[in-house]
Amino acid sequence: MSALSSVDIGLSPLVSIVIAVRGKPNELWFTLQGLVYAGFNEDVEVLVVDNDPSEDVRLVCDYFSRPWLRYLEAGDVKGVNYPREVGARHARGVWLLILDSHVLLKPGTWDVLRERIQQGIYPSGSLVHFGVSFGSPHVWGAYRLTLDQNFWGTWHHLVDPGWTQPYPIAATGNWSILTRCEDWRAIGGLNPEFRGYGGDEIYLQLKYWRFGGQVLLDPALVGSHWSGPRAYRVEGLELLINTAIAGRVVVGPSFLDRYGQSLAAHFSVGGYSQAAIAQALQDGVSKAEQSPECSQIQDWPRSFDDVLTLWDQRSIPS
């Protein structure tokens, strides 16, 4: 690991911002500049975690030239979750904000976020998401979950422009993730067996719900996300393995019995053989069972079905 700045921040920064990067230094440049326009300053630290260490990304960080930015190399495992977890482990802040490397936050975001934190708006055990736009005027909030299709979800619920206070949702996309660092560590962060991209979209949210916490959407915090071409490809069977890892952790031993058939049908459309699909599902379940998460989560306050019941009872968007 290497850092551009070894400045001693002294007191812990209020927020540690982790940005995982793999190529696309131009997108990173706009994301970093966007943080400044959104009001972020010396109250935060920014950790750019390079999953494919390159001089181009390092130069962008150097050009940013602020003592509260650190550049970290994390190229051992290719994927988005490994560098995110590396950044989280190095975070020195009270709060953790994980952002994609191709986002722009609304001007004034930092003032709103800092005030929210100081007022104690987010209870302990909260995972907080921001509203998201993709270039259009529409701002999306919660996912509509597709558990019985691909154990995933899609942005479906628009944020009502009249809403101002955080409200509970089942899950949404991971382009922005805000939580206390102590809560992140308590739930165990991200599974080390994830590889590549995709398959983990609702895993983190379900962990917070099962741990006895909650997932919130704050309509006062909004960003724009670029969903264009990447410097990597999403591989179908790798995606399925990740889905099986996530599902086995958050559902429990019954995951394959409950969702294996629908996942097999979904992925067969991509041209994969039933044998390859079955093997990928089993590989993912085995990887999950070899990680400590499966045994830890068994003792958490809520089961998977408890969470589904809770969402229904409270009419939480899912």
C-alpha atoms as a PDB file:
ATOM      1  CA  MET A   1       0.000   0.000   0.000  1.00  0.00           C
ATOM      2  CA  SER A   2       1.162   3.551  -0.661  1.00  0.00           C
ATOM      3  CA  ALA A   3      -0.244   6.952   0.210  1.00  0.00           C
ATOM      4  CA  LEU A   4       0.111  10.269  -1.549  1.00  0.00           C
ATOM      5  CA  SER A   5      -0.155  12.145   1.708  1.00  0.00           C
ATOM      6  CA  SER A   6       1.059  11.142   5.129  1.00  0.00           C
ATOM      7  CA  VAL A   7      -0.455  14.214   6.772  1.00  0.00           C
ATOM      8  CA  ASP A   8      -1.474  13.449  10.325  1.00  0.00           C
ATOM      9  CA  ILE A   9      -5.117  14.446  10.506  1.00  0.00           C
ATOM     10  CA  GLY A  10      -4.938  14.375  14.317  1.00  0.00           C
ATOM     11  CA  LEU A  11      -8.507  13.967  15.475  1.00  0.00           C
ATOM     12  CA  SER A  12     -10.527  11.419  13.545  1.00  0.00           C
ATOM     13  CA  PRO A  13     -12.238  12.970  10.521  1.00  0.00           C
ATOM     14  CA  LEU A  14     -16.014  13.020  10.733  1.00  0.00           C
ATOM     15  CA  VAL A  15     -16.398  11.032   7.506  1.00  0.00           C
ATOM     16  CA  SER A  16     -14.085   8.722   5.563  1.00  0.00           C
ATOM     17  CA  ILE A  17     -14.992   8.587   1.876  1.00  0.00           C
ATOM     18  CA  VAL A  18     -13.861   5.408   0.100  1.00  0.00           C
ATOM     19  CA  ILE A  19     -13.768   5.416  -3.706  1.00  0.00           C
ATOM     20  CA  ALA A  20     -12.819   2.158  -5.408  1.00  0.00           C
ATOM     21  CA  VAL A  21     -11.243   2.705  -8.829  1.00  0.00           C
ATOM     22  CA  ARG A  22     -10.291   0.466 -11.731  1.00  0.00           C
ATOM     23  CA  GLY A  23      -9.118   2.591 -14.630  1.00  0.00           C
ATOM     24  CA  LYS A  24     -11.195   5.542 -15.891  1.00  0.00           C
ATOM     25  CA  PRO A  25      -9.043   8.289 -14.313  1.00  0.00           C
ATOM     26  CA  ASN A  26     -11.110  10.945 -16.105  1.00  0.00           C
ATOM     27  CA  GLU A  27     -14.259   9.817 -14.271  1.00  0.00           C
ATOM     28  CA  LEU A  28     -12.386   9.851 -10.972  1.00  0.00           C
ATOM     29  CA  TRP A  29     -11.209  13.422 -11.635  1.00  0.00           C
ATOM     30  CA  PHE A  30     -14.786  14.652 -11.993  1.00  0.00           C
ATOM     31  CA  THR A  31     -15.910  12.700  -8.926  1.00  0.00           C
ATOM     32  CA  LEU A  32     -13.174  14.260  -6.790  1.00  0.00           C
ATOM     33  CA  GLN A  33     -13.832  17.752  -8.087  1.00  0.00           C
ATOM     34  CA  GLY A  34     -17.539  17.151  -7.531  1.00  0.00           C
ATOM     35  CA  LEU A  35     -16.871  16.486  -3.849  1.00  0.00           C
ATOM     36  CA  VAL A  36     -15.360  19.950  -3.555  1.00  0.00           C
ATOM     37  CA  TYR A  37     -18.325  21.552  -5.322  1.00  0.00           C
ATOM     38  CA  ALA A  38     -20.608  19.604  -2.979  1.00  0.00           C
ATOM     39  CA  GLY A  39     -18.843  21.289  -0.052  1.00  0.00           C
ATOM     40  CA  PHE A  40     -16.642  18.495   1.290  1.00  0.00           C
ATOM     41  CA  ASN A  41     -13.516  19.811   3.007  1.00  0.00           C
ATOM     42  CA  GLU A  42     -11.013  19.089   5.762  1.00  0.00           C
ATOM     43  CA  ASP A  43     -13.704  17.482   7.956  1.00  0.00           C
ATOM     44  CA  VAL A  44     -13.369  14.381   5.772  1.00  0.00           C
ATOM     45  CA  GLU A  45     -10.717  12.100   4.414  1.00  0.00           C
ATOM     46  CA  VAL A  46     -10.912  10.611   0.924  1.00  0.00           C
ATOM     47  CA  LEU A  47      -9.367   7.225   0.228  1.00  0.00           C
ATOM     48  CA  VAL A  48      -8.967   6.397  -3.460  1.00  0.00           C
ATOM     49  CA  VAL A  49      -8.417   2.637  -3.611  1.00  0.00           C
ATOM     50  CA  ASP A  50      -6.904   1.571  -6.920  1.00  0.00           C
ATOM     51  CA  ASN A  51      -7.894  -1.964  -7.928  1.00  0.00           C
ATOM     52  CA  ASP A  52      -5.658  -1.858 -11.012  1.00  0.00           C
ATOM     53  CA  PRO A  53      -2.807   0.364  -9.786  1.00  0.00           C
ATOM     54  CA  SER A  54      -1.786   2.805 -12.488  1.00  0.00           C
ATOM     55  CA  GLU A  55       0.168   6.001 -12.816  1.00  0.00           C
ATOM     56  CA  ASP A  56      -2.840   7.658 -14.471  1.00  0.00           C
ATOM     57  CA  VAL A  57      -5.033   7.253 -11.384  1.00  0.00           C
ATOM     58  CA  ARG A  58      -2.177   8.232  -9.096  1.00  0.00           C
ATOM     59  CA  LEU A  59      -1.623  11.408 -11.109  1.00  0.00           C
ATOM     60  CA  VAL A  60      -5.280  12.374 -10.796  1.00  0.00           C
ATOM     61  CA  CYS A  61      -4.971  12.048  -7.018  1.00  0.00           C
ATOM     62  CA  ASP A  62      -1.733  14.004  -7.047  1.00  0.00           C
ATOM     63  CA  TYR A  63      -3.301  16.734  -9.156  1.00  0.00           C
ATOM     64  CA  PHE A  64      -6.211  16.930  -6.687  1.00  0.00           C
ATOM     65  CA  SER A  65      -3.518  18.034  -4.235  1.00  0.00           C
ATOM     66  CA  ARG A  66      -5.415  18.076  -0.967  1.00  0.00           C
ATOM     67  CA  PRO A  67      -3.932  16.705   2.245  1.00  0.00           C
ATOM     68  CA  TRP A  68      -7.149  14.893   3.115  1.00  0.00           C
ATOM     69  CA  LEU A  69      -6.822  12.498   0.151  1.00  0.00           C
ATOM     70  CA  ARG A  70      -4.948   9.214   0.389  1.00  0.00           C
ATOM     71  CA  TYR A  71      -4.156   6.903  -2.517  1.00  0.00           C
ATOM     72  CA  LEU A  72      -4.090   3.170  -1.749  1.00  0.00           C
ATOM     73  CA  GLU A  73      -3.114   0.288  -3.996  1.00  0.00           C
ATOM     74  CA  ALA A  74      -5.382  -2.759  -3.784  1.00  0.00           C
ATOM     75  CA  GLY A  75      -4.796  -4.932  -6.810  1.00  0.00           C
ATOM     76  CA  ASP A  76      -4.693  -8.412  -5.281  1.00  0.00           C
ATOM     77  CA  VAL A  77      -8.320  -9.312  -6.093  1.00  0.00           C
ATOM     78  CA  LYS A  78     -10.140  -7.858  -9.088  1.00  0.00           C
ATOM     79  CA  GLY A  79     -13.617  -6.608  -8.293  1.00  0.00           C
ATOM     80  CA  VAL A  80     -15.439  -3.766  -6.606  1.00  0.00           C
ATOM     81  CA  ASN A  81     -15.902  -5.178  -3.099  1.00  0.00           C
ATOM     82  CA  TYR A  82     -12.293  -6.026  -2.351  1.00  0.00           C
ATOM     83  CA  PRO A  83     -11.016  -2.437  -2.764  1.00  0.00           C
ATOM     84  CA  ARG A  84     -14.053  -1.115  -0.905  1.00  0.00           C
ATOM     85  CA  GLU A  85     -13.201  -3.326   2.046  1.00  0.00           C
ATOM     86  CA  VAL A  86      -9.531  -2.330   1.879  1.00  0.00           C
ATOM     87  CA  GLY A  87     -10.612   1.305   2.077  1.00  0.00           C
ATOM     88  CA  ALA A  88     -12.980   0.592   4.976  1.00  0.00           C
ATOM     89  CA  ARG A  89     -10.186  -1.107   6.915  1.00  0.00           C
ATOM     90  CA  HIS A  90      -7.982   1.981   6.495  1.00  0.00           C
ATOM     91  CA  ALA A  91     -10.760   4.461   7.296  1.00  0.00           C
ATOM     92  CA  ARG A  92     -10.050   6.697  10.278  1.00  0.00           C
ATOM     93  CA  GLY A  93     -13.385   8.508  10.330  1.00  0.00           C
ATOM     94  CA  VAL A  94     -16.384   8.145  12.609  1.00  0.00           C
ATOM     95  CA  TRP A  95     -18.599   7.610   9.550  1.00  0.00           C
ATOM     96  CA  LEU A  96     -17.924   5.697   6.350  1.00  0.00           C
ATOM     97  CA  LEU A  97     -19.196   6.867   2.961  1.00  0.00           C
ATOM     98  CA  ILE A  98     -18.515   4.509   0.047  1.00  0.00           C
ATOM     99  CA  LEU A  99     -18.968   6.091  -3.372  1.00  0.00           C
ATOM    100  CA  ASP A 100     -18.573   4.850  -6.914  1.00  0.00           C
ATOM    101  CA  SER A 101     -15.866   6.578  -8.933  1.00  0.00           C
ATOM    102  CA  HIS A 102     -18.315   8.042 -11.472  1.00  0.00           C
ATOM    103  CA  VAL A 103     -20.757  10.119  -9.424  1.00  0.00           C
ATOM    104  CA  LEU A 104     -21.521  13.762  -8.745  1.00  0.00           C
ATOM    105  CA  LEU A 105     -23.182  14.760  -5.490  1.00  0.00           C
ATOM    106  CA  LYS A 106     -25.574  17.683  -5.372  1.00  0.00           C
ATOM    107  CA  PRO A 107     -24.022  21.016  -4.293  1.00  0.00           C
ATOM    108  CA  GLY A 108     -24.602  21.547  -0.590  1.00  0.00           C
ATOM    109  CA  THR A 109     -24.536  17.815   0.184  1.00  0.00           C
ATOM    110  CA  TRP A 110     -21.832  18.169   2.807  1.00  0.00           C
ATOM    111  CA  ASP A 111     -23.702  20.840   4.793  1.00  0.00           C
ATOM    112  CA  VAL A 112     -26.849  18.693   4.843  1.00  0.00           C
ATOM    113  CA  LEU A 113     -24.986  15.505   5.720  1.00  0.00           C
ATOM    114  CA  ARG A 114     -22.940  17.120   8.486  1.00  0.00           C
ATOM    115  CA  GLU A 115     -26.087  18.632  10.002  1.00  0.00           C
ATOM    116  CA  ARG A 116     -27.879  15.272   9.820  1.00  0.00           C
ATOM    117  CA  ILE A 117     -25.000  13.599  11.645  1.00  0.00           C
ATOM    118  CA  GLN A 118     -24.729  16.306  14.302  1.00  0.00           C
ATOM    119  CA  GLN A 119     -28.476  16.148  14.951  1.00  0.00           C
ATOM    120  CA  GLY A 120     -28.387  12.355  15.345  1.00  0.00           C
ATOM    121  CA  ILE A 121     -30.919  11.827  12.552  1.00  0.00           C
ATOM    122  CA  TYR A 122     -29.518   8.394  11.676  1.00  0.00           C
ATOM    123  CA  PRO A 123     -29.994   5.853  14.519  1.00  0.00           C
ATOM    124  CA  SER A 124     -27.271   3.410  15.441  1.00  0.00           C
ATOM    125  CA  GLY A 125     -27.263   0.414  13.108  1.00  0.00           C
ATOM    126  CA  SER A 126     -28.367   2.417  10.068  1.00  0.00           C
ATOM    127  CA  LEU A 127     -27.228   1.931   6.489  1.00  0.00           C
ATOM    128  CA  VAL A 128     -28.100   5.144   4.641  1.00  0.00           C
ATOM    129  CA  HIS A 129     -28.558   5.618   0.885  1.00  0.00           C
ATOM    130  CA  PHE A 130     -28.950   8.758  -1.211  1.00  0.00           C
ATOM    131  CA  GLY A 131     -31.440   9.422  -3.974  1.00  0.00           C
ATOM    132  CA  VAL A 132     -29.968   8.859  -7.429  1.00  0.00           C
ATOM    133  CA  SER A 133     -30.494  10.261 -10.907  1.00  0.00           C
ATOM    134  CA  PHE A 134     -29.035   9.025 -14.163  1.00  0.00           C
ATOM    135  CA  GLY A 135     -29.114  12.333 -15.983  1.00  0.00           C
ATOM    136  CA  SER A 136     -32.872  12.768 -16.149  1.00  0.00           C
ATOM    137  CA  PRO A 137     -34.968  14.843 -13.707  1.00  0.00           C
ATOM    138  CA  HIS A 138     -36.190  11.641 -12.045  1.00  0.00           C
ATOM    139  CA  VAL A 139     -34.646  10.772  -8.671  1.00  0.00           C
ATOM    140  CA  TRP A 140     -34.879   7.126  -7.684  1.00  0.00           C
ATOM    141  CA  GLY A 141     -34.914   5.730  -4.179  1.00  0.00           C
ATOM    142  CA  ALA A 142     -35.751   2.147  -3.235  1.00  0.00           C
ATOM    143  CA  TYR A 143     -35.392  -0.975  -5.323  1.00  0.00           C
ATOM    144  CA  ARG A 144     -38.274  -3.156  -6.325  1.00  0.00           C
ATOM    145  CA  LEU A 145     -36.784  -6.469  -5.262  1.00  0.00           C
ATOM    146  CA  THR A 146     -36.764  -9.435  -7.624  1.00  0.00           C
ATOM    147  CA  LEU A 147     -35.903 -12.148  -5.118  1.00  0.00           C
ATOM    148  CA  ASP A 148     -37.835 -14.866  -6.944  1.00  0.00           C
ATOM    149  CA  GLN A 149     -36.206 -14.068 -10.291  1.00  0.00           C
ATOM    150  CA  ASN A 150     -32.537 -13.248  -9.815  1.00  0.00           C
ATOM    151  CA  PHE A 151     -32.217 -12.390  -6.107  1.00  0.00           C
ATOM    152  CA  TRP A 152     -31.631  -8.794  -7.054  1.00  0.00           C
ATOM    153  CA  GLY A 153     -33.634  -5.619  -7.604  1.00  0.00           C
ATOM    154  CA  THR A 154     -34.058  -2.614  -9.865  1.00  0.00           C
ATOM    155  CA  TRP A 155     -34.583   1.060  -9.132  1.00  0.00           C
ATOM    156  CA  HIS A 156     -38.323   1.494  -9.206  1.00  0.00           C
ATOM    157  CA  HIS A 157     -39.585   3.839  -6.483  1.00  0.00           C
ATOM    158  CA  LEU A 158     -39.230   7.528  -7.270  1.00  0.00           C
ATOM    159  CA  VAL A 159     -38.357   9.866  -4.412  1.00  0.00           C
ATOM    160  CA  ASP A 160     -41.279  12.179  -3.681  1.00  0.00           C
ATOM    161  CA  PRO A 161     -39.935  15.737  -4.067  1.00  0.00           C
ATOM    162  CA  GLY A 162     -41.955  16.772  -1.014  1.00  0.00           C
ATOM    163  CA  TRP A 163     -40.192  14.339   1.312  1.00  0.00           C
ATOM    164  CA  THR A 164     -37.408  15.738   3.469  1.00  0.00           C
ATOM    165  CA  GLN A 165     -36.776  13.159   6.219  1.00  0.00           C
ATOM    166  CA  PRO A 166     -35.054   9.761   5.950  1.00  0.00           C
ATOM    167  CA  TYR A 167     -37.408   6.796   5.654  1.00  0.00           C
ATOM    168  CA  PRO A 168     -36.861   3.012   5.713  1.00  0.00           C
ATOM    169  CA  ILE A 169     -36.466   1.013   2.520  1.00  0.00           C
ATOM    170  CA  ALA A 170     -35.679  -2.635   1.936  1.00  0.00           C
ATOM    171  CA  ALA A 171     -32.703  -2.107  -0.345  1.00  0.00           C
ATOM    172  CA  THR A 172     -31.315  -0.124  -3.249  1.00  0.00           C
ATOM    173  CA  GLY A 173     -28.150   0.133  -5.338  1.00  0.00           C
ATOM    174  CA  ASN A 174     -24.688   0.439  -3.812  1.00  0.00           C
ATOM    175  CA  TRP A 175     -23.408   3.527  -5.647  1.00  0.00           C
ATOM    176  CA  SER A 176     -23.481   5.397  -2.309  1.00  0.00           C
ATOM    177  CA  ILE A 177     -23.327   3.766   1.123  1.00  0.00           C
ATOM    178  CA  LEU A 178     -23.222   5.698   4.393  1.00  0.00           C
ATOM    179  CA  THR A 179     -22.899   4.124   7.833  1.00  0.00           C
ATOM    180  CA  ARG A 180     -20.981   4.426  11.073  1.00  0.00           C
ATOM    181  CA  CYS A 181     -17.586   2.754  10.868  1.00  0.00           C
ATOM    182  CA  GLU A 182     -18.370   0.851  14.068  1.00  0.00           C
ATOM    183  CA  ASP A 183     -21.594  -0.519  12.531  1.00  0.00           C
ATOM    184  CA  TRP A 184     -19.754  -1.556   9.357  1.00  0.00           C
ATOM    185  CA  ARG A 185     -17.247  -3.502  11.408  1.00  0.00           C
ATOM    186  CA  ALA A 186     -19.952  -5.011  13.598  1.00  0.00           C
ATOM    187  CA  ILE A 187     -21.771  -6.528  10.606  1.00  0.00           C
ATOM    188  CA  GLY A 188     -18.475  -7.747   9.144  1.00  0.00           C
ATOM    189  CA  GLY A 189     -18.275  -5.535   6.072  1.00  0.00           C
ATOM    190  CA  LEU A 190     -18.123  -7.295   2.709  1.00  0.00           C
ATOM    191  CA  ASN A 191     -17.562 -11.006   2.195  1.00  0.00           C
ATOM    192  CA  PRO A 192     -13.946 -11.664   1.121  1.00  0.00           C
ATOM    193  CA  GLU A 193     -15.047 -14.306  -1.390  1.00  0.00           C
ATOM    194  CA  PHE A 194     -16.730 -11.835  -3.768  1.00  0.00           C
ATOM    195  CA  ARG A 195     -14.977 -11.555  -7.111  1.00  0.00           C
ATOM    196  CA  GLY A 196     -15.659  -9.338 -10.095  1.00  0.00           C
ATOM    197  CA  TYR A 197     -18.870  -7.344 -10.284  1.00  0.00           C
ATOM    198  CA  GLY A 198     -22.506  -7.869  -9.397  1.00  0.00           C
ATOM    199  CA  GLY A 199     -24.475 -10.332  -7.334  1.00  0.00           C
ATOM    200  CA  ASP A 200     -24.085  -8.451  -4.072  1.00  0.00           C
ATOM    201  CA  GLU A 201     -26.648  -5.696  -4.587  1.00  0.00           C
ATOM    202  CA  ILE A 202     -29.015  -6.539  -1.727  1.00  0.00           C
ATOM    203  CA  TYR A 203     -26.635  -8.574   0.414  1.00  0.00           C
ATOM    204  CA  LEU A 204     -25.334  -5.667   2.467  1.00  0.00           C
ATOM    205  CA  GLN A 205     -28.790  -4.249   3.110  1.00  0.00           C
ATOM    206  CA  LEU A 206     -30.138  -7.617   4.249  1.00  0.00           C
ATOM    207  CA  LYS A 207     -27.207  -7.969   6.631  1.00  0.00           C
ATOM    208  CA  TYR A 208     -28.109  -4.684   8.301  1.00  0.00           C
ATOM    209  CA  TRP A 209     -31.753  -5.723   8.594  1.00  0.00           C
ATOM    210  CA  ARG A 210     -30.847  -9.136   9.986  1.00  0.00           C
ATOM    211  CA  PHE A 211     -28.394  -7.582  12.450  1.00  0.00           C
ATOM    212  CA  GLY A 212     -31.282  -5.665  13.965  1.00  0.00           C
ATOM    213  CA  GLY A 213     -30.555  -2.416  12.170  1.00  0.00           C
ATOM    214  CA  GLN A 214     -32.274  -0.730   9.277  1.00  0.00           C
ATOM    215  CA  VAL A 215     -31.744   0.707   5.794  1.00  0.00           C
ATOM    216  CA  LEU A 216     -32.728   4.327   5.184  1.00  0.00           C
ATOM    217  CA  LEU A 217     -33.166   6.507   2.117  1.00  0.00           C
ATOM    218  CA  ASP A 218     -32.443  10.176   2.786  1.00  0.00           C
ATOM    219  CA  PRO A 219     -34.291  12.248   0.151  1.00  0.00           C
ATOM    220  CA  ALA A 220     -32.329  15.383   1.115  1.00  0.00           C
ATOM    221  CA  LEU A 221     -29.134  13.788  -0.239  1.00  0.00           C
ATOM    222  CA  VAL A 222     -28.986  13.265  -3.994  1.00  0.00           C
ATOM    223  CA  GLY A 223     -26.350  12.369  -6.572  1.00  0.00           C
ATOM    224  CA  SER A 224     -25.990  11.570 -10.253  1.00  0.00           C
ATOM    225  CA  HIS A 225     -24.515   8.253 -11.363  1.00  0.00           C
ATOM    226  CA  TRP A 226     -22.917   7.435 -14.705  1.00  0.00           C
ATOM    227  CA  SER A 227     -23.922   3.953 -15.846  1.00  0.00           C
ATOM    228  CA  GLY A 228     -22.018   3.886 -19.106  1.00  0.00           C
ATOM    229  CA  PRO A 229     -19.251   1.516 -20.289  1.00  0.00           C
ATOM    230  CA  ARG A 230     -16.665   0.359 -17.766  1.00  0.00           C
ATOM    231  CA  ALA A 231     -13.064  -0.754 -17.985  1.00  0.00           C
ATOM    232  CA  TYR A 232     -14.190  -4.277 -17.072  1.00  0.00           C
ATOM    233  CA  ARG A 233     -16.876  -6.802 -17.942  1.00  0.00           C
ATOM    234  CA  VAL A 234     -19.523  -8.445 -15.779  1.00  0.00           C
ATOM    235  CA  GLU A 235     -19.080 -12.193 -16.247  1.00  0.00           C
ATOM    236  CA  GLY A 236     -22.283 -14.229 -16.007  1.00  0.00           C
ATOM    237  CA  LEU A 237     -21.091 -17.208 -13.988  1.00  0.00           C
ATOM    238  CA  GLU A 238     -18.986 -15.004 -11.739  1.00  0.00           C
ATOM    239  CA  LEU A 239     -22.118 -12.959 -11.128  1.00  0.00           C
ATOM    240  CA  LEU A 240     -24.021 -16.137 -10.259  1.00  0.00           C
ATOM    241  CA  ILE A 241     -21.328 -17.273  -7.829  1.00  0.00           C
ATOM    242  CA  ASN A 242     -21.485 -13.890  -6.092  1.00  0.00           C
ATOM    243  CA  THR A 243     -25.275 -14.142  -5.925  1.00  0.00           C
ATOM    244  CA  ALA A 244     -24.995 -17.556  -4.315  1.00  0.00           C
ATOM    245  CA  ILE A 245     -22.448 -16.276  -1.788  1.00  0.00           C
ATOM    246  CA  ALA A 246     -24.736 -13.398  -0.871  1.00  0.00           C
ATOM    247  CA  GLY A 247     -27.870 -15.535  -0.788  1.00  0.00           C
ATOM    248  CA  ARG A 248     -26.374 -18.282   1.349  1.00  0.00           C
ATOM    249  CA  VAL A 249     -25.186 -15.695   3.882  1.00  0.00           C
ATOM    250  CA  VAL A 250     -28.366 -13.646   4.214  1.00  0.00           C
ATOM    251  CA  VAL A 251     -31.022 -16.361   3.672  1.00  0.00           C
ATOM    252  CA  GLY A 252     -29.337 -19.289   5.385  1.00  0.00           C
ATOM    253  CA  PRO A 253     -29.101 -23.011   4.575  1.00  0.00           C
ATOM    254  CA  SER A 254     -32.426 -22.985   2.704  1.00  0.00           C
ATOM    255  CA  PHE A 255     -31.150 -20.567   0.045  1.00  0.00           C
ATOM    256  CA  LEU A 256     -30.716 -23.079  -2.785  1.00  0.00           C
ATOM    257  CA  ASP A 257     -33.987 -24.836  -1.999  1.00  0.00           C
ATOM    258  CA  ARG A 258     -35.852 -21.545  -2.114  1.00  0.00           C
ATOM    259  CA  TYR A 259     -34.116 -19.710  -4.940  1.00  0.00           C
ATOM    260  CA  GLY A 260     -31.895 -22.157  -6.817  1.00  0.00           C
ATOM    261  CA  GLN A 261     -34.506 -23.111  -9.426  1.00  0.00           C
ATOM    262  CA  SER A 262     -35.471 -19.527 -10.277  1.00  0.00           C
ATOM    263  CA  LEU A 263     -31.806 -18.506 -10.509  1.00  0.00           C
ATOM    264  CA  ALA A 264     -31.106 -21.443 -12.826  1.00  0.00           C
ATOM    265  CA  ALA A 265     -33.984 -20.388 -15.072  1.00  0.00           C
ATOM    266  CA  HIS A 266     -32.825 -16.771 -15.092  1.00  0.00           C
ATOM    267  CA  PHE A 267     -29.210 -17.559 -15.998  1.00  0.00           C
ATOM    268  CA  SER A 268     -30.110 -20.204 -18.578  1.00  0.00           C
ATOM    269  CA  VAL A 269     -31.313 -17.350 -20.809  1.00  0.00           C
ATOM    270  CA  GLY A 270     -27.675 -16.258 -21.058  1.00  0.00           C
ATOM    271  CA  GLY A 271     -26.793 -19.489 -22.812  1.00  0.00           C
ATOM    272  CA  TYR A 272     -25.138 -21.253 -19.884  1.00  0.00           C
ATOM    273  CA  SER A 273     -25.647 -24.990 -19.506  1.00  0.00           C
ATOM    274  CA  GLN A 274     -27.596 -26.330 -16.562  1.00  0.00           C
ATOM    275  CA  ALA A 275     -24.467 -28.136 -15.400  1.00  0.00           C
ATOM    276  CA  ALA A 276     -22.424 -24.923 -15.403  1.00  0.00           C
ATOM    277  CA  ILE A 277     -25.196 -23.052 -13.579  1.00  0.00           C
ATOM    278  CA  ALA A 278     -25.561 -25.767 -10.941  1.00  0.00           C
ATOM    279  CA  GLN A 279     -21.807 -25.806 -10.403  1.00  0.00           C
ATOM    280  CA  ALA A 280     -21.643 -22.015 -10.045  1.00  0.00           C
ATOM    281  CA  LEU A 281     -24.468 -22.045  -7.494  1.00  0.00           C
ATOM    282  CA  GLN A 282     -22.784 -24.768  -5.496  1.00  0.00           C
ATOM    283  CA  ASP A 283     -19.417 -23.019  -5.697  1.00  0.00           C
ATOM    284  CA  GLY A 284     -20.948 -19.829  -4.333  1.00  0.00           C
ATOM    285  CA  VAL A 285     -22.691 -21.614  -1.484  1.00  0.00           C
ATOM    286  CA  SER A 286     -19.486 -23.460  -0.598  1.00  0.00           C
ATOM    287  CA  LYS A 287     -17.480 -20.225  -0.576  1.00  0.00           C
ATOM    288  CA  ALA A 288     -20.037 -18.623   1.721  1.00  0.00           C
ATOM    289  CA  GLU A 289     -20.010 -21.582   4.092  1.00  0.00           C
ATOM    290  CA  GLN A 290     -16.221 -21.433   4.294  1.00  0.00           C
ATOM    291  CA  SER A 291     -16.322 -17.802   5.400  1.00  0.00           C
ATOM    292  CA  PRO A 292     -17.076 -16.884   9.028  1.00  0.00           C
ATOM    293  CA  GLU A 293     -20.253 -15.000   8.089  1.00  0.00           C
ATOM    294  CA  CYS A 294     -22.564 -17.997   7.942  1.00  0.00           C
ATOM    295  CA  SER A 295     -21.925 -18.975  11.524  1.00  0.00           C
ATOM    296  CA  GLN A 296     -21.966 -15.386  12.818  1.00  0.00           C
ATOM    297  CA  ILE A 297     -25.255 -14.407  11.222  1.00  0.00           C
ATOM    298  CA  GLN A 298     -27.097 -17.358  12.763  1.00  0.00           C
ATOM    299  CA  ASP A 299     -27.012 -15.571  16.126  1.00  0.00           C
ATOM    300  CA  TRP A 300     -28.281 -12.227  14.824  1.00  0.00           C
ATOM    301  CA  PRO A 301     -31.658 -10.921  16.091  1.00  0.00           C
ATOM    302  CA  ARG A 302     -33.659 -11.430  12.884  1.00  0.00           C
ATOM    303  CA  SER A 303     -33.930 -14.307  10.469  1.00  0.00           C
ATOM    304  CA  PHE A 304     -34.381 -13.715   6.755  1.00  0.00           C
ATOM    305  CA  ASP A 305     -38.101 -14.434   7.073  1.00  0.00           C
ATOM    306  CA  ASP A 306     -38.325 -12.088  10.050  1.00  0.00           C
ATOM    307  CA  VAL A 307     -37.015  -9.340   7.776  1.00  0.00           C
ATOM    308  CA  LEU A 308     -39.553 -10.089   5.029  1.00  0.00           C
ATOM    309  CA  THR A 309     -42.345 -10.014   7.604  1.00  0.00           C
ATOM    310  CA  LEU A 310     -41.066  -6.737   9.037  1.00  0.00           C
ATOM    311  CA  TRP A 311     -41.043  -5.106   5.598  1.00  0.00           C
ATOM    312  CA  ASP A 312     -44.627  -6.216   5.051  1.00  0.00           C
ATOM    313  CA  GLN A 313     -45.850  -5.083   8.473  1.00  0.00           C
ATOM    314  CA  ARG A 314     -44.287  -1.631   8.110  1.00  0.00           C
ATOM    315  CA  SER A 315     -45.130  -1.249   4.407  1.00  0.00           C
ATOM    316  CA  ILE A 316     -41.449  -0.699   3.666  1.00  0.00           C
ATOM    317  CA  PRO A 317     -40.819  -0.309  -0.086  1.00  0.00           C
ATOM    318  CA  SER A 318     -39.494  -3.608  -1.388  1.00  0.00           C
END
